[in-house]
Amino acid sequence: MLRLLGSVEAAETIQALRMAEQRADGFVLGLETSGGYSEAVIEDLYLGFEKEVGERLALLKKDQYPD
């Protein structure tokens, strides 16, 4: 999971970020499908990845479109 977060944080383009986001979503979906984790844990993972992606996206957009 740390590797997935690392790929989100290291994304240098919006396209790379979106690819990292899709991998993270697939990972969490796999955990959810396995049924081995509570709904709360799954939701926390989704929200955590979503937060990280949002923060990285804001930085990338700021770099791409400076004021």
PDB file of N, CA and C in Angstrom:
ATOM      1  N   MET A   1       0.826  -1.176   0.000  1.00  0.00           N
ATOM      2  CA  MET A   1       0.000   0.000   0.000  1.00  0.00           C
ATOM      3  C   MET A   1       0.880   1.253   0.000  1.00  0.00           C
ATOM      4  N   LEU A   2       2.006   1.200   0.685  1.00  0.00           N
ATOM      5  CA  LEU A   2       2.911   2.347   0.693  1.00  0.00           C
ATOM      6  C   LEU A   2       3.447   2.619  -0.707  1.00  0.00           C
ATOM      7  N   ARG A   3       3.626   1.573  -1.462  1.00  0.00           N
ATOM      8  CA  ARG A   3       4.081   1.734  -2.839  1.00  0.00           C
ATOM      9  C   ARG A   3       3.047   2.489  -3.673  1.00  0.00           C
ATOM     10  N   LEU A   4       1.771   2.200  -3.443  1.00  0.00           N
ATOM     11  CA  LEU A   4       0.704   2.895  -4.160  1.00  0.00           C
ATOM     12  C   LEU A   4       0.679   4.378  -3.777  1.00  0.00           C
ATOM     13  N   LEU A   5       0.812   4.658  -2.506  1.00  0.00           N
ATOM     14  CA  LEU A   5       0.868   6.054  -2.063  1.00  0.00           C
ATOM     15  C   LEU A   5       2.089   6.757  -2.647  1.00  0.00           C
ATOM     16  N   GLY A   6       3.184   6.031  -2.703  1.00  0.00           N
ATOM     17  CA  GLY A   6       4.407   6.594  -3.279  1.00  0.00           C
ATOM     18  C   GLY A   6       4.234   6.952  -4.737  1.00  0.00           C
ATOM     19  N   SER A   7       3.518   6.120  -5.480  1.00  0.00           N
ATOM     20  CA  SER A   7       3.313   6.418  -6.893  1.00  0.00           C
ATOM     21  C   SER A   7       2.393   7.619  -7.074  1.00  0.00           C
ATOM     22  N   VAL A   8       1.462   7.812  -6.165  1.00  0.00           N
ATOM     23  CA  VAL A   8       0.604   9.003  -6.210  1.00  0.00           C
ATOM     24  C   VAL A   8       1.458  10.243  -5.919  1.00  0.00           C
ATOM     25  N   GLU A   9       2.262  10.169  -4.886  1.00  0.00           N
ATOM     26  CA  GLU A   9       3.075  11.310  -4.486  1.00  0.00           C
ATOM     27  C   GLU A   9       4.163  11.641  -5.503  1.00  0.00           C
ATOM     28  N   ALA A  10       4.629  10.640  -6.235  1.00  0.00           N
ATOM     29  CA  ALA A  10       5.718  10.842  -7.188  1.00  0.00           C
ATOM     30  C   ALA A  10       5.236  11.198  -8.589  1.00  0.00           C
ATOM     31  N   ALA A  11       3.947  11.156  -8.825  1.00  0.00           N
ATOM     32  CA  ALA A  11       3.421  11.435 -10.161  1.00  0.00           C
ATOM     33  C   ALA A  11       3.832  12.836 -10.606  1.00  0.00           C
ATOM     34  N   GLU A  12       4.431  12.906 -11.790  1.00  0.00           N
ATOM     35  CA  GLU A  12       4.918  14.187 -12.298  1.00  0.00           C
ATOM     36  C   GLU A  12       3.974  14.819 -13.307  1.00  0.00           C
ATOM     37  N   THR A  13       2.984  14.067 -13.753  1.00  0.00           N
ATOM     38  CA  THR A  13       1.991  14.592 -14.680  1.00  0.00           C
ATOM     39  C   THR A  13       0.604  14.188 -14.204  1.00  0.00           C
ATOM     40  N   ILE A  14      -0.394  14.875 -14.698  1.00  0.00           N
ATOM     41  CA  ILE A  14      -1.767  14.521 -14.342  1.00  0.00           C
ATOM     42  C   ILE A  14      -2.102  13.131 -14.856  1.00  0.00           C
ATOM     43  N   GLN A  15      -1.604  12.784 -16.043  1.00  0.00           N
ATOM     44  CA  GLN A  15      -1.853  11.447 -16.590  1.00  0.00           C
ATOM     45  C   GLN A  15      -1.240  10.366 -15.686  1.00  0.00           C
ATOM     46  N   ALA A  16      -0.027  10.582 -15.231  1.00  0.00           N
ATOM     47  CA  ALA A  16       0.615   9.619 -14.329  1.00  0.00           C
ATOM     48  C   ALA A  16      -0.149   9.514 -13.015  1.00  0.00           C
ATOM     49  N   LEU A  17      -0.653  10.642 -12.551  1.00  0.00           N
ATOM     50  CA  LEU A  17      -1.451  10.642 -11.318  1.00  0.00           C
ATOM     51  C   LEU A  17      -2.721   9.832 -11.506  1.00  0.00           C
ATOM     52  N   ARG A  18      -3.388  10.017 -12.630  1.00  0.00           N
ATOM     53  CA  ARG A  18      -4.628   9.271 -12.888  1.00  0.00           C
ATOM     54  C   ARG A  18      -4.357   7.774 -12.977  1.00  0.00           C
ATOM     55  N   MET A  19      -3.235   7.395 -13.554  1.00  0.00           N
ATOM     56  CA  MET A  19      -2.879   5.971 -13.612  1.00  0.00           C
ATOM     57  C   MET A  19      -2.631   5.417 -12.210  1.00  0.00           C
ATOM     58  N   ALA A  20      -1.931   6.183 -11.387  1.00  0.00           N
ATOM     59  CA  ALA A  20      -1.679   5.759 -10.003  1.00  0.00           C
ATOM     60  C   ALA A  20      -2.990   5.656  -9.242  1.00  0.00           C
ATOM     61  N   GLU A  21      -3.894   6.593  -9.493  1.00  0.00           N
ATOM     62  CA  GLU A  21      -5.204   6.572  -8.847  1.00  0.00           C
ATOM     63  C   GLU A  21      -5.981   5.317  -9.233  1.00  0.00           C
ATOM     64  N   GLN A  22      -5.928   4.944 -10.490  1.00  0.00           N
ATOM     65  CA  GLN A  22      -6.635   3.742 -10.941  1.00  0.00           C
ATOM     66  C   GLN A  22      -6.053   2.487 -10.307  1.00  0.00           C
ATOM     67  N   ARG A  23      -4.727   2.432 -10.184  1.00  0.00           N
ATOM     68  CA  ARG A  23      -4.108   1.272  -9.522  1.00  0.00           C
ATOM     69  C   ARG A  23      -4.542   1.188  -8.061  1.00  0.00           C
ATOM     70  N   ALA A  24      -4.568   2.328  -7.381  1.00  0.00           N
ATOM     71  CA  ALA A  24      -4.991   2.347  -5.972  1.00  0.00           C
ATOM     72  C   ALA A  24      -6.449   1.922  -5.843  1.00  0.00           C
ATOM     73  N   ASP A  25      -7.304   2.425  -6.725  1.00  0.00           N
ATOM     74  CA  ASP A  25      -8.716   2.026  -6.695  1.00  0.00           C
ATOM     75  C   ASP A  25      -8.865   0.524  -6.923  1.00  0.00           C
ATOM     76  N   GLY A  26      -8.100  -0.013  -7.860  1.00  0.00           N
ATOM     77  CA  GLY A  26      -8.150  -1.449  -8.126  1.00  0.00           C
ATOM     78  C   GLY A  26      -7.694  -2.271  -6.931  1.00  0.00           C
ATOM     79  N   PHE A  27      -6.669  -1.785  -6.254  1.00  0.00           N
ATOM     80  CA  PHE A  27      -6.173  -2.456  -5.059  1.00  0.00           C
ATOM     81  C   PHE A  27      -7.246  -2.517  -3.978  1.00  0.00           C
ATOM     82  N   VAL A  28      -7.865  -1.372  -3.714  1.00  0.00           N
ATOM     83  CA  VAL A  28      -8.894  -1.312  -2.672  1.00  0.00           C
ATOM     84  C   VAL A  28     -10.109  -2.145  -3.086  1.00  0.00           C
ATOM     85  N   LEU A  29     -10.460  -2.101  -4.357  1.00  0.00           N
ATOM     86  CA  LEU A  29     -11.572  -2.923  -4.842  1.00  0.00           C
ATOM     87  C   LEU A  29     -11.278  -4.408  -4.626  1.00  0.00           C
ATOM     88  N   GLY A  30     -10.046  -4.812  -4.851  1.00  0.00           N
ATOM     89  CA  GLY A  30      -9.663  -6.205  -4.603  1.00  0.00           C
ATOM     90  C   GLY A  30      -9.810  -6.584  -3.141  1.00  0.00           C
ATOM     91  N   LEU A  31      -9.382  -5.682  -2.263  1.00  0.00           N
ATOM     92  CA  LEU A  31      -9.548  -5.948  -0.832  1.00  0.00           C
ATOM     93  C   LEU A  31     -11.021  -6.035  -0.457  1.00  0.00           C
ATOM     94  N   GLU A  32     -11.813  -5.136  -1.022  1.00  0.00           N
ATOM     95  CA  GLU A  32     -13.247  -5.128  -0.745  1.00  0.00           C
ATOM     96  C   GLU A  32     -13.899  -6.417  -1.238  1.00  0.00           C
ATOM     97  N   THR A  33     -13.520  -6.847  -2.416  1.00  0.00           N
ATOM     98  CA  THR A  33     -14.087  -8.056  -3.011  1.00  0.00           C
ATOM     99  C   THR A  33     -13.711  -9.304  -2.221  1.00  0.00           C
ATOM    100  N   SER A  34     -12.516  -9.284  -1.624  1.00  0.00           N
ATOM    101  CA  SER A  34     -12.073 -10.453  -0.860  1.00  0.00           C
ATOM    102  C   SER A  34     -12.943 -10.700   0.365  1.00  0.00           C
ATOM    103  N   GLY A  35     -13.585  -9.631   0.853  1.00  0.00           N
ATOM    104  CA  GLY A  35     -14.459  -9.771   2.014  1.00  0.00           C
ATOM    105  C   GLY A  35     -13.721  -9.901   3.331  1.00  0.00           C
ATOM    106  N   GLY A  36     -12.423  -9.716   3.316  1.00  0.00           N
ATOM    107  CA  GLY A  36     -11.642  -9.882   4.533  1.00  0.00           C
ATOM    108  C   GLY A  36     -11.486  -8.627   5.368  1.00  0.00           C
ATOM    109  N   TYR A  37     -12.096  -7.554   4.928  1.00  0.00           N
ATOM    110  CA  TYR A  37     -11.943  -6.281   5.628  1.00  0.00           C
ATOM    111  C   TYR A  37     -13.310  -5.663   5.874  1.00  0.00           C
ATOM    112  N   SER A  38     -13.400  -4.915   6.957  1.00  0.00           N
ATOM    113  CA  SER A  38     -14.677  -4.277   7.289  1.00  0.00           C
ATOM    114  C   SER A  38     -14.950  -3.129   6.321  1.00  0.00           C
ATOM    115  N   GLU A  39     -16.211  -2.754   6.248  1.00  0.00           N
ATOM    116  CA  GLU A  39     -16.601  -1.637   5.384  1.00  0.00           C
ATOM    117  C   GLU A  39     -15.900  -0.352   5.813  1.00  0.00           C
ATOM    118  N   ALA A  40     -15.702  -0.192   7.106  1.00  0.00           N
ATOM    119  CA  ALA A  40     -15.042   1.013   7.621  1.00  0.00           C
ATOM    120  C   ALA A  40     -13.595   1.104   7.129  1.00  0.00           C
ATOM    121  N   VAL A  41     -12.897  -0.017   7.141  1.00  0.00           N
ATOM    122  CA  VAL A  41     -11.509  -0.031   6.669  1.00  0.00           C
ATOM    123  C   VAL A  41     -11.458   0.285   5.182  1.00  0.00           C
ATOM    124  N   ILE A  42     -12.335  -0.321   4.415  1.00  0.00           N
ATOM    125  CA  ILE A  42     -12.378  -0.087   2.972  1.00  0.00           C
ATOM    126  C   ILE A  42     -12.677   1.381   2.690  1.00  0.00           C
ATOM    127  N   GLU A  43     -13.643   1.942   3.391  1.00  0.00           N
ATOM    128  CA  GLU A  43     -13.991   3.348   3.186  1.00  0.00           C
ATOM    129  C   GLU A  43     -12.821   4.253   3.549  1.00  0.00           C
ATOM    130  N   ASP A  44     -12.126   3.938   4.638  1.00  0.00           N
ATOM    131  CA  ASP A  44     -10.964   4.731   5.036  1.00  0.00           C
ATOM    132  C   ASP A  44      -9.876   4.689   3.964  1.00  0.00           C
ATOM    133  N   LEU A  45      -9.681   3.523   3.375  1.00  0.00           N
ATOM    134  CA  LEU A  45      -8.681   3.411   2.307  1.00  0.00           C
ATOM    135  C   LEU A  45      -9.076   4.241   1.094  1.00  0.00           C
ATOM    136  N   TYR A  46     -10.320   4.109   0.666  1.00  0.00           N
ATOM    137  CA  TYR A  46     -10.788   4.908  -0.466  1.00  0.00           C
ATOM    138  C   TYR A  46     -10.614   6.400  -0.187  1.00  0.00           C
ATOM    139  N   LEU A  47     -11.035   6.835   0.989  1.00  0.00           N
ATOM    140  CA  LEU A  47     -10.949   8.251   1.338  1.00  0.00           C
ATOM    141  C   LEU A  47      -9.499   8.719   1.460  1.00  0.00           C
ATOM    142  N   GLY A  48      -8.651   7.876   1.993  1.00  0.00           N
ATOM    143  CA  GLY A  48      -7.240   8.227   2.125  1.00  0.00           C
ATOM    144  C   GLY A  48      -6.570   8.420   0.775  1.00  0.00           C
ATOM    145  N   PHE A  49      -6.820   7.480  -0.134  1.00  0.00           N
ATOM    146  CA  PHE A  49      -6.249   7.618  -1.472  1.00  0.00           C
ATOM    147  C   PHE A  49      -6.841   8.830  -2.181  1.00  0.00           C
ATOM    148  N   GLU A  50      -8.136   9.044  -2.025  1.00  0.00           N
ATOM    149  CA  GLU A  50      -8.795  10.183  -2.665  1.00  0.00           C
ATOM    150  C   GLU A  50      -8.192  11.502  -2.174  1.00  0.00           C
ATOM    151  N   LYS A  51      -7.918  11.580  -0.885  1.00  0.00           N
ATOM    152  CA  LYS A  51      -7.316  12.786  -0.303  1.00  0.00           C
ATOM    153  C   LYS A  51      -5.925  13.026  -0.890  1.00  0.00           C
ATOM    154  N   GLU A  52      -5.117  11.986  -0.946  1.00  0.00           N
ATOM    155  CA  GLU A  52      -3.755  12.114  -1.473  1.00  0.00           C
ATOM    156  C   GLU A  52      -3.766  12.515  -2.947  1.00  0.00           C
ATOM    157  N   VAL A  53      -4.662  11.898  -3.709  1.00  0.00           N
ATOM    158  CA  VAL A  53      -4.768  12.228  -5.133  1.00  0.00           C
ATOM    159  C   VAL A  53      -5.194  13.688  -5.295  1.00  0.00           C
ATOM    160  N   GLY A  54      -6.159  14.123  -4.514  1.00  0.00           N
ATOM    161  CA  GLY A  54      -6.616  15.500  -4.596  1.00  0.00           C
ATOM    162  C   GLY A  54      -5.517  16.500  -4.289  1.00  0.00           C
ATOM    163  N   GLU A  55      -4.734  16.206  -3.260  1.00  0.00           N
ATOM    164  CA  GLU A  55      -3.638  17.102  -2.896  1.00  0.00           C
ATOM    165  C   GLU A  55      -2.582  17.159  -3.992  1.00  0.00           C
ATOM    166  N   ARG A  56      -2.244  15.985  -4.545  1.00  0.00           N
ATOM    167  CA  ARG A  56      -1.231  15.940  -5.611  1.00  0.00           C
ATOM    168  C   ARG A  56      -1.741  16.637  -6.871  1.00  0.00           C
ATOM    169  N   LEU A  57      -3.009  16.440  -7.177  1.00  0.00           N
ATOM    170  CA  LEU A  57      -3.596  17.069  -8.350  1.00  0.00           C
ATOM    171  C   LEU A  57      -3.549  18.590  -8.220  1.00  0.00           C
ATOM    172  N   ALA A  58      -3.847  19.101  -7.048  1.00  0.00           N
ATOM    173  CA  ALA A  58      -3.792  20.551  -6.824  1.00  0.00           C
ATOM    174  C   ALA A  58      -2.375  21.075  -7.060  1.00  0.00           C
ATOM    175  N   LEU A  59      -1.364  20.342  -6.594  1.00  0.00           N
ATOM    176  CA  LEU A  59       0.018  20.768  -6.800  1.00  0.00           C
ATOM    177  C   LEU A  59       0.401  20.730  -8.276  1.00  0.00           C
ATOM    178  N   LEU A  60      -0.012  19.664  -8.953  1.00  0.00           N
ATOM    179  CA  LEU A  60       0.313  19.547 -10.382  1.00  0.00           C
ATOM    180  C   LEU A  60      -0.348  20.652 -11.190  1.00  0.00           C
ATOM    181  N   LYS A  61      -1.588  20.949 -10.867  1.00  0.00           N
ATOM    182  CA  LYS A  61      -2.285  22.026 -11.589  1.00  0.00           C
ATOM    183  C   LYS A  61      -1.635  23.369 -11.302  1.00  0.00           C
ATOM    184  N   LYS A  62      -1.224  23.574 -10.067  1.00  0.00           N
ATOM    185  CA  LYS A  62      -0.561  24.828  -9.704  1.00  0.00           C
ATOM    186  C   LYS A  62       0.735  24.982 -10.485  1.00  0.00           C
ATOM    187  N   ASP A  63       1.481  23.896 -10.613  1.00  0.00           N
ATOM    188  CA  ASP A  63       2.743  23.928 -11.372  1.00  0.00           C
ATOM    189  C   ASP A  63       2.476  24.133 -12.861  1.00  0.00           C
ATOM    190  N   GLN A  64       1.411  23.525 -13.348  1.00  0.00           N
ATOM    191  CA  GLN A  64       1.092  23.603 -14.772  1.00  0.00           C
ATOM    192  C   GLN A  64       0.507  24.960 -15.145  1.00  0.00           C
ATOM    193  N   TYR A  65      -0.273  25.529 -14.252  1.00  0.00           N
ATOM    194  CA  TYR A  65      -0.952  26.812 -14.518  1.00  0.00           C
ATOM    195  C   TYR A  65      -0.647  27.808 -13.392  1.00  0.00           C
ATOM    196  N   PRO A  66       0.591  28.270 -13.314  1.00  0.00           N
ATOM    197  CA  PRO A  66       0.926  29.211 -12.223  1.00  0.00           C
ATOM    198  C   PRO A  66       0.173  30.530 -12.395  1.00  0.00           C
ATOM    199  N   ASP A  67      -0.005  31.200 -11.288  1.00  0.00           N
ATOM    200  CA  ASP A  67      -0.722  32.490 -11.296  1.00  0.00           C
ATOM    201  C   ASP A  67       0.033  33.544 -12.057  1.00  0.00           C
TER     202      ASP A  67
END
